[in-house]
Amino acid sequence: SYIDYSMSVIAGRALPDVRDGLKPVHRRILYSMSELNLTPDKPYRKSARIVGDVLGKYHPHGDTAVYYAMVRMAQDFSTRALLVDGHGNFGSVDGDSPAAMRYTEAKMSKLSLELLRDIEKETVDFKPNFDESLKEPSVLPARYPNLLVNGSNG
């Protein structure tokens, strides 16, 4: 029924997991950036490249939803502790929209490394992606309380 579907969407996508404080789209963005080796000591990469990687591997939904989720993680006025280090026009507190993803660049922030630390040591469970061609983490190891620090994110 519709109510069952609605509840599964709310529980599965709209609410962050208390263990890492992330919704699936945010988790997939950070994991994909980690796989692309976009660490703070490396150069920025085009946002469109990151979004394309997330869409192709883990999140087969609209590119706009993925991009705006990444943008919010890079806005110092939207979140207390930045998880993405954005370069370019990522919008403003006055409501100005971010530039198109082809014009912006991003990489992981230093703090986001703490969310992913030790993931290669089998610290969390992995599950098949949407087409069962890859595995993705069901939750990130999260060595700090992201939900308390950043709250729920749009």
N, C-alpha and C. Protein backbone atom coordinates (compact mmCIF):
# COMPACT_ATOMS: atom_id res chain seq x y z
N SER A 1 0.83 -1.19 0.00
CA SER A 1 0.00 0.00 0.00
C SER A 1 0.88 1.25 0.00
N TYR A 2 0.24 2.37 -0.26
CA TYR A 2 0.97 3.63 -0.34
C TYR A 2 1.58 4.02 1.00
N ILE A 3 0.88 3.78 2.08
CA ILE A 3 1.41 4.15 3.39
C ILE A 3 2.65 3.34 3.74
N ASP A 4 2.69 2.08 3.36
CA ASP A 4 3.88 1.26 3.59
C ASP A 4 5.07 1.80 2.80
N TYR A 5 4.81 2.15 1.54
CA TYR A 5 5.87 2.72 0.70
C TYR A 5 6.36 4.04 1.29
N SER A 6 5.44 4.89 1.70
CA SER A 6 5.80 6.19 2.27
C SER A 6 6.66 6.03 3.51
N MET A 7 6.29 5.12 4.37
CA MET A 7 7.06 4.89 5.59
C MET A 7 8.45 4.34 5.27
N SER A 8 8.54 3.49 4.26
CA SER A 8 9.86 2.95 3.91
C SER A 8 10.76 4.04 3.33
N VAL A 9 10.19 4.97 2.57
CA VAL A 9 10.96 6.09 2.03
C VAL A 9 11.45 6.99 3.17
N ILE A 10 10.56 7.29 4.10
CA ILE A 10 10.94 8.14 5.23
C ILE A 10 12.06 7.49 6.04
N ALA A 11 11.89 6.24 6.37
CA ALA A 11 12.88 5.54 7.19
C ALA A 11 14.17 5.27 6.42
N GLY A 12 14.07 5.00 5.13
CA GLY A 12 15.24 4.61 4.36
C GLY A 12 16.00 5.74 3.70
N ARG A 13 15.33 6.86 3.39
CA ARG A 13 16.00 7.92 2.66
C ARG A 13 15.89 9.29 3.29
N ALA A 14 14.78 9.60 3.92
CA ALA A 14 14.54 10.96 4.40
C ALA A 14 15.13 11.23 5.77
N LEU A 15 15.34 10.19 6.56
CA LEU A 15 15.92 10.36 7.89
C LEU A 15 17.36 9.89 7.90
N PRO A 16 18.26 10.64 8.53
CA PRO A 16 19.64 10.17 8.61
C PRO A 16 19.78 8.99 9.56
N ASP A 17 20.78 8.17 9.30
CA ASP A 17 21.10 7.05 10.19
C ASP A 17 21.85 7.61 11.39
N VAL A 18 21.42 7.29 12.57
CA VAL A 18 22.03 7.85 13.78
C VAL A 18 23.50 7.43 13.93
N ARG A 19 23.89 6.31 13.34
CA ARG A 19 25.26 5.81 13.49
C ARG A 19 26.29 6.72 12.82
N ASP A 20 25.97 7.28 11.65
CA ASP A 20 26.91 8.19 10.99
C ASP A 20 26.31 9.57 10.72
N GLY A 21 25.02 9.74 11.01
CA GLY A 21 24.38 11.04 10.83
C GLY A 21 24.11 11.41 9.39
N LEU A 22 24.14 10.44 8.48
CA LEU A 22 24.00 10.72 7.06
C LEU A 22 22.79 10.03 6.46
N LYS A 23 22.22 10.68 5.44
CA LYS A 23 21.22 10.04 4.60
C LYS A 23 21.97 9.27 3.52
N PRO A 24 21.32 8.33 2.85
CA PRO A 24 22.02 7.54 1.83
C PRO A 24 22.74 8.38 0.77
N VAL A 25 22.13 9.44 0.28
CA VAL A 25 22.77 10.24 -0.77
C VAL A 25 24.05 10.88 -0.26
N HIS A 26 24.06 11.39 0.96
CA HIS A 26 25.27 12.01 1.51
C HIS A 26 26.37 10.97 1.72
N ARG A 27 25.98 9.81 2.22
CA ARG A 27 26.93 8.71 2.44
C ARG A 27 27.55 8.29 1.10
N ARG A 28 26.73 8.19 0.08
CA ARG A 28 27.22 7.77 -1.23
C ARG A 28 28.15 8.81 -1.83
N ILE A 29 27.86 10.08 -1.64
CA ILE A 29 28.73 11.14 -2.15
C ILE A 29 30.10 11.04 -1.48
N LEU A 30 30.13 10.96 -0.17
CA LEU A 30 31.41 10.90 0.54
C LEU A 30 32.18 9.63 0.21
N TYR A 31 31.49 8.50 0.11
CA TYR A 31 32.16 7.25 -0.22
C TYR A 31 32.73 7.32 -1.64
N SER A 32 31.98 7.88 -2.56
CA SER A 32 32.44 8.02 -3.94
C SER A 32 33.65 8.96 -4.01
N MET A 33 33.61 10.05 -3.26
CA MET A 33 34.75 10.97 -3.23
C MET A 33 35.98 10.27 -2.66
N SER A 34 35.78 9.42 -1.68
CA SER A 34 36.88 8.66 -1.11
C SER A 34 37.46 7.70 -2.15
N GLU A 35 36.60 7.03 -2.88
CA GLU A 35 37.06 6.11 -3.94
C GLU A 35 37.81 6.85 -5.03
N LEU A 36 37.42 8.11 -5.30
CA LEU A 36 38.10 8.93 -6.30
C LEU A 36 39.38 9.56 -5.73
N ASN A 37 39.66 9.28 -4.46
CA ASN A 37 40.85 9.79 -3.77
C ASN A 37 40.87 11.33 -3.73
N LEU A 38 39.72 11.92 -3.48
CA LEU A 38 39.60 13.38 -3.42
C LEU A 38 39.83 13.87 -2.00
N THR A 39 40.96 13.50 -1.44
CA THR A 39 41.32 13.89 -0.08
C THR A 39 41.73 15.35 -0.04
N PRO A 40 41.76 15.95 1.15
CA PRO A 40 42.05 17.38 1.27
C PRO A 40 43.41 17.80 0.70
N ASP A 41 44.37 16.89 0.64
CA ASP A 41 45.69 17.23 0.12
C ASP A 41 45.79 17.12 -1.41
N LYS A 42 44.72 16.70 -2.06
CA LYS A 42 44.70 16.55 -3.52
C LYS A 42 43.98 17.73 -4.17
N PRO A 43 44.17 17.92 -5.48
CA PRO A 43 43.48 19.02 -6.18
C PRO A 43 41.96 18.80 -6.21
N TYR A 44 41.24 19.89 -6.41
CA TYR A 44 39.79 19.82 -6.58
C TYR A 44 39.48 19.10 -7.88
N ARG A 45 38.28 18.48 -7.94
CA ARG A 45 37.79 17.86 -9.17
C ARG A 45 36.43 18.45 -9.50
N LYS A 46 36.08 18.44 -10.76
CA LYS A 46 34.79 18.99 -11.19
C LYS A 46 33.64 18.29 -10.47
N SER A 47 32.70 19.09 -10.02
CA SER A 47 31.52 18.54 -9.34
C SER A 47 30.76 17.59 -10.25
N ALA A 48 30.70 17.90 -11.53
CA ALA A 48 29.99 17.04 -12.48
C ALA A 48 30.61 15.65 -12.52
N ARG A 49 31.92 15.56 -12.37
CA ARG A 49 32.61 14.26 -12.35
C ARG A 49 32.20 13.46 -11.11
N ILE A 50 32.13 14.14 -9.98
CA ILE A 50 31.75 13.49 -8.72
C ILE A 50 30.31 13.01 -8.79
N VAL A 51 29.42 13.89 -9.24
CA VAL A 51 28.00 13.56 -9.34
C VAL A 51 27.80 12.39 -10.31
N GLY A 52 28.50 12.40 -11.43
CA GLY A 52 28.40 11.31 -12.39
C GLY A 52 28.85 9.99 -11.80
N ASP A 53 29.90 10.01 -11.00
CA ASP A 53 30.39 8.80 -10.35
C ASP A 53 29.35 8.25 -9.37
N VAL A 54 28.76 9.15 -8.59
CA VAL A 54 27.73 8.74 -7.62
C VAL A 54 26.52 8.15 -8.35
N LEU A 55 26.07 8.82 -9.40
CA LEU A 55 24.90 8.33 -10.16
C LEU A 55 25.18 6.98 -10.80
N GLY A 56 26.33 6.84 -11.42
CA GLY A 56 26.64 5.62 -12.14
C GLY A 56 26.88 4.42 -11.26
N LYS A 57 27.38 4.66 -10.06
CA LYS A 57 27.74 3.54 -9.19
C LYS A 57 26.74 3.24 -8.08
N TYR A 58 26.14 4.29 -7.49
CA TYR A 58 25.40 4.06 -6.25
C TYR A 58 24.01 4.66 -6.15
N HIS A 59 23.73 5.72 -6.86
CA HIS A 59 22.50 6.48 -6.61
C HIS A 59 21.81 6.80 -7.94
N PRO A 60 21.06 5.87 -8.52
CA PRO A 60 20.49 6.07 -9.85
C PRO A 60 19.24 6.96 -9.84
N HIS A 61 19.39 8.15 -9.30
CA HIS A 61 18.29 9.11 -9.25
C HIS A 61 18.75 10.36 -9.99
N GLY A 62 18.04 11.45 -9.86
CA GLY A 62 18.38 12.66 -10.60
C GLY A 62 19.69 13.29 -10.19
N ASP A 63 20.42 13.81 -11.19
CA ASP A 63 21.70 14.45 -10.91
C ASP A 63 21.54 15.70 -10.06
N THR A 64 20.43 16.40 -10.20
CA THR A 64 20.21 17.62 -9.42
C THR A 64 20.13 17.30 -7.93
N ALA A 65 19.45 16.24 -7.57
CA ALA A 65 19.34 15.86 -6.16
C ALA A 65 20.71 15.56 -5.56
N VAL A 66 21.54 14.85 -6.30
CA VAL A 66 22.88 14.51 -5.82
C VAL A 66 23.72 15.78 -5.71
N TYR A 67 23.67 16.64 -6.73
CA TYR A 67 24.47 17.86 -6.71
C TYR A 67 24.07 18.76 -5.54
N TYR A 68 22.78 18.97 -5.33
CA TYR A 68 22.35 19.84 -4.24
C TYR A 68 22.68 19.25 -2.87
N ALA A 69 22.68 17.94 -2.76
CA ALA A 69 23.09 17.32 -1.50
C ALA A 69 24.58 17.59 -1.25
N MET A 70 25.38 17.52 -2.31
CA MET A 70 26.81 17.81 -2.17
C MET A 70 27.03 19.29 -1.87
N VAL A 71 26.27 20.15 -2.53
CA VAL A 71 26.38 21.60 -2.30
C VAL A 71 26.12 21.93 -0.84
N ARG A 72 25.08 21.36 -0.26
CA ARG A 72 24.75 21.66 1.15
C ARG A 72 25.87 21.23 2.10
N MET A 73 26.58 20.16 1.76
CA MET A 73 27.69 19.73 2.61
C MET A 73 28.89 20.66 2.49
N ALA A 74 28.88 21.56 1.49
CA ALA A 74 29.98 22.51 1.27
C ALA A 74 29.63 23.93 1.70
N GLN A 75 28.40 24.17 2.13
CA GLN A 75 27.96 25.52 2.50
C GLN A 75 28.16 25.76 4.00
N ASP A 76 29.00 26.72 4.33
CA ASP A 76 29.25 26.99 5.75
C ASP A 76 28.05 27.61 6.46
N PHE A 77 27.06 28.06 5.72
CA PHE A 77 25.85 28.61 6.33
C PHE A 77 24.73 27.57 6.43
N SER A 78 24.94 26.38 5.87
CA SER A 78 23.94 25.31 5.93
C SER A 78 24.29 24.23 6.95
N THR A 79 25.55 24.15 7.29
CA THR A 79 26.01 23.09 8.17
C THR A 79 27.10 23.62 9.10
N ARG A 80 27.18 23.09 10.27
CA ARG A 80 28.16 23.56 11.25
C ARG A 80 29.58 23.15 10.87
N ALA A 81 29.77 21.90 10.51
CA ALA A 81 31.09 21.38 10.16
C ALA A 81 31.03 20.87 8.72
N LEU A 82 31.82 21.47 7.85
CA LEU A 82 31.79 21.12 6.43
C LEU A 82 32.34 19.72 6.18
N LEU A 83 31.62 18.97 5.36
CA LEU A 83 32.07 17.64 4.97
C LEU A 83 32.66 17.64 3.57
N VAL A 84 32.36 18.67 2.79
CA VAL A 84 32.88 18.83 1.44
C VAL A 84 33.54 20.20 1.35
N ASP A 85 34.71 20.24 0.75
CA ASP A 85 35.43 21.49 0.51
C ASP A 85 35.11 21.91 -0.92
N GLY A 86 34.24 22.89 -1.06
CA GLY A 86 33.81 23.34 -2.38
C GLY A 86 34.64 24.50 -2.89
N HIS A 87 34.83 24.54 -4.20
CA HIS A 87 35.58 25.60 -4.86
C HIS A 87 34.70 26.16 -5.97
N GLY A 88 34.37 27.44 -5.87
CA GLY A 88 33.47 28.06 -6.84
C GLY A 88 32.23 28.57 -6.15
N ASN A 89 31.22 28.87 -6.92
CA ASN A 89 29.98 29.45 -6.39
C ASN A 89 29.05 28.34 -5.91
N PHE A 90 29.01 28.15 -4.60
CA PHE A 90 28.13 27.14 -4.00
C PHE A 90 26.89 27.77 -3.37
N GLY A 91 26.50 28.94 -3.87
CA GLY A 91 25.30 29.60 -3.36
C GLY A 91 25.64 30.55 -2.22
N SER A 92 24.61 31.23 -1.72
CA SER A 92 24.82 32.19 -0.64
C SER A 92 23.72 32.08 0.39
N VAL A 93 23.97 32.67 1.54
CA VAL A 93 22.99 32.69 2.62
C VAL A 93 21.75 33.51 2.22
N ASP A 94 21.90 34.38 1.23
CA ASP A 94 20.79 35.20 0.74
C ASP A 94 19.86 34.45 -0.21
N GLY A 95 20.15 33.20 -0.47
CA GLY A 95 19.28 32.39 -1.33
C GLY A 95 19.74 32.30 -2.77
N ASP A 96 20.92 32.85 -3.09
CA ASP A 96 21.44 32.72 -4.44
C ASP A 96 21.76 31.25 -4.72
N SER A 97 21.39 30.79 -5.88
CA SER A 97 21.62 29.39 -6.25
C SER A 97 23.10 29.15 -6.53
N PRO A 98 23.54 27.92 -6.33
CA PRO A 98 24.92 27.60 -6.71
C PRO A 98 25.06 27.58 -8.22
N ALA A 99 26.29 27.73 -8.68
CA ALA A 99 26.56 27.63 -10.11
C ALA A 99 26.29 26.19 -10.56
N ALA A 100 26.14 26.01 -11.85
CA ALA A 100 25.95 24.66 -12.40
C ALA A 100 27.15 23.79 -12.05
N MET A 101 26.90 22.49 -11.94
CA MET A 101 27.96 21.58 -11.50
C MET A 101 29.17 21.57 -12.42
N ARG A 102 29.00 21.97 -13.67
CA ARG A 102 30.15 21.99 -14.58
C ARG A 102 31.11 23.12 -14.26
N TYR A 103 30.67 24.09 -13.44
CA TYR A 103 31.51 25.24 -13.09
C TYR A 103 32.13 25.15 -11.71
N THR A 104 31.69 24.23 -10.88
CA THR A 104 32.21 24.13 -9.52
C THR A 104 33.10 22.90 -9.37
N GLU A 105 33.91 22.93 -8.33
CA GLU A 105 34.81 21.82 -8.03
C GLU A 105 34.72 21.49 -6.55
N ALA A 106 35.13 20.30 -6.20
CA ALA A 106 35.04 19.90 -4.79
C ALA A 106 36.05 18.80 -4.48
N LYS A 107 36.26 18.63 -3.18
CA LYS A 107 37.02 17.51 -2.63
C LYS A 107 36.55 17.32 -1.20
N MET A 108 37.01 16.28 -0.55
CA MET A 108 36.60 16.00 0.82
C MET A 108 37.22 17.01 1.78
N SER A 109 36.51 17.32 2.84
CA SER A 109 37.09 18.15 3.90
C SER A 109 37.90 17.25 4.84
N LYS A 110 38.72 17.86 5.67
CA LYS A 110 39.50 17.07 6.63
C LYS A 110 38.58 16.29 7.58
N LEU A 111 37.48 16.91 7.97
CA LEU A 111 36.56 16.26 8.89
C LEU A 111 35.90 15.02 8.27
N SER A 112 35.62 15.08 6.98
CA SER A 112 34.97 13.92 6.34
C SER A 112 35.88 12.69 6.34
N LEU A 113 37.18 12.91 6.43
CA LEU A 113 38.09 11.76 6.53
C LEU A 113 37.81 10.95 7.79
N GLU A 114 37.37 11.63 8.85
CA GLU A 114 37.06 10.93 10.10
C GLU A 114 35.80 10.07 9.98
N LEU A 115 34.91 10.45 9.08
CA LEU A 115 33.73 9.62 8.84
C LEU A 115 34.10 8.32 8.13
N LEU A 116 35.16 8.37 7.33
CA LEU A 116 35.54 7.22 6.51
C LEU A 116 36.74 6.45 7.04
N ARG A 117 37.38 6.96 8.08
CA ARG A 117 38.60 6.32 8.59
C ARG A 117 38.34 4.85 8.93
N ASP A 118 39.27 4.01 8.50
CA ASP A 118 39.26 2.55 8.76
C ASP A 118 38.17 1.80 8.00
N ILE A 119 37.55 2.42 7.01
CA ILE A 119 36.50 1.71 6.26
C ILE A 119 37.08 0.50 5.52
N GLU A 120 38.34 0.58 5.12
CA GLU A 120 38.97 -0.53 4.40
C GLU A 120 39.30 -1.70 5.32
N LYS A 121 39.15 -1.52 6.63
CA LYS A 121 39.44 -2.58 7.60
C LYS A 121 38.19 -3.37 7.99
N GLU A 122 37.18 -3.32 7.16
CA GLU A 122 35.93 -4.06 7.38
C GLU A 122 35.27 -3.69 8.71
N THR A 123 35.26 -2.40 9.01
CA THR A 123 34.65 -1.91 10.25
C THR A 123 33.14 -1.78 10.14
N VAL A 124 32.62 -1.76 8.92
CA VAL A 124 31.17 -1.67 8.70
C VAL A 124 30.75 -2.69 7.65
N ASP A 125 29.46 -2.97 7.62
CA ASP A 125 28.92 -3.90 6.62
C ASP A 125 28.76 -3.19 5.28
N PHE A 126 28.95 -3.95 4.22
CA PHE A 126 28.72 -3.46 2.87
C PHE A 126 27.52 -4.20 2.30
N LYS A 127 26.82 -3.54 1.39
CA LYS A 127 25.65 -4.13 0.74
C LYS A 127 25.77 -3.91 -0.76
N PRO A 128 25.07 -4.70 -1.57
CA PRO A 128 25.12 -4.50 -3.02
C PRO A 128 24.51 -3.15 -3.40
N ASN A 129 25.07 -2.56 -4.46
CA ASN A 129 24.47 -1.33 -4.98
C ASN A 129 23.20 -1.68 -5.75
N PHE A 130 22.60 -0.69 -6.41
CA PHE A 130 21.30 -0.87 -7.05
C PHE A 130 21.27 -1.95 -8.12
N ASP A 131 22.37 -2.17 -8.84
CA ASP A 131 22.37 -3.22 -9.87
C ASP A 131 23.25 -4.41 -9.48
N GLU A 132 23.65 -4.44 -8.23
CA GLU A 132 24.43 -5.53 -7.65
C GLU A 132 25.78 -5.74 -8.35
N SER A 133 26.32 -4.68 -8.96
CA SER A 133 27.62 -4.78 -9.61
C SER A 133 28.76 -4.33 -8.69
N LEU A 134 28.43 -3.60 -7.63
CA LEU A 134 29.41 -3.09 -6.67
C LEU A 134 28.87 -3.23 -5.26
N LYS A 135 29.72 -3.01 -4.30
CA LYS A 135 29.30 -2.97 -2.89
C LYS A 135 29.46 -1.54 -2.39
N GLU A 136 28.55 -1.14 -1.50
CA GLU A 136 28.62 0.18 -0.87
C GLU A 136 28.41 0.00 0.62
N PRO A 137 28.97 0.91 1.42
CA PRO A 137 28.80 0.77 2.87
C PRO A 137 27.36 1.04 3.28
N SER A 138 26.85 0.25 4.20
CA SER A 138 25.50 0.49 4.71
C SER A 138 25.50 1.68 5.66
N VAL A 139 26.66 1.98 6.23
CA VAL A 139 26.86 3.11 7.13
C VAL A 139 28.37 3.39 7.12
N LEU A 140 28.78 4.61 7.44
CA LEU A 140 30.21 4.91 7.52
C LEU A 140 30.71 4.71 8.95
N PRO A 141 32.01 4.42 9.12
CA PRO A 141 32.54 4.17 10.46
C PRO A 141 32.35 5.34 11.44
N ALA A 142 32.41 6.56 10.97
CA ALA A 142 32.09 7.77 11.74
C ALA A 142 32.75 7.82 13.11
N ARG A 143 33.94 8.37 13.15
CA ARG A 143 34.68 8.49 14.41
C ARG A 143 34.32 9.75 15.19
N TYR A 144 33.27 10.42 14.81
CA TYR A 144 32.75 11.55 15.59
C TYR A 144 31.24 11.58 15.42
N PRO A 145 30.51 12.22 16.33
CA PRO A 145 29.03 12.20 16.28
C PRO A 145 28.46 13.20 15.28
N ASN A 146 28.48 12.84 14.02
CA ASN A 146 28.07 13.76 12.95
C ASN A 146 26.63 14.25 13.12
N LEU A 147 25.73 13.40 13.56
CA LEU A 147 24.34 13.83 13.72
C LEU A 147 24.23 14.92 14.79
N LEU A 148 25.00 14.82 15.85
CA LEU A 148 25.00 15.86 16.88
C LEU A 148 25.68 17.14 16.38
N VAL A 149 26.74 16.99 15.61
CA VAL A 149 27.48 18.15 15.11
C VAL A 149 26.71 18.89 14.04
N ASN A 150 26.20 18.17 13.04
CA ASN A 150 25.57 18.81 11.88
C ASN A 150 24.06 18.69 11.84
N GLY A 151 23.48 17.84 12.65
CA GLY A 151 22.03 17.66 12.59
C GLY A 151 21.63 16.99 11.30
N SER A 152 20.35 17.03 11.00
CA SER A 152 19.84 16.46 9.76
C SER A 152 20.08 17.46 8.64
N ASN A 153 20.39 16.96 7.47
CA ASN A 153 20.80 17.80 6.36
C ASN A 153 19.89 17.57 5.17
N GLY A 154 19.37 18.64 4.55
CA GLY A 154 18.42 18.63 3.46
C GLY A 154 18.55 17.76 2.31
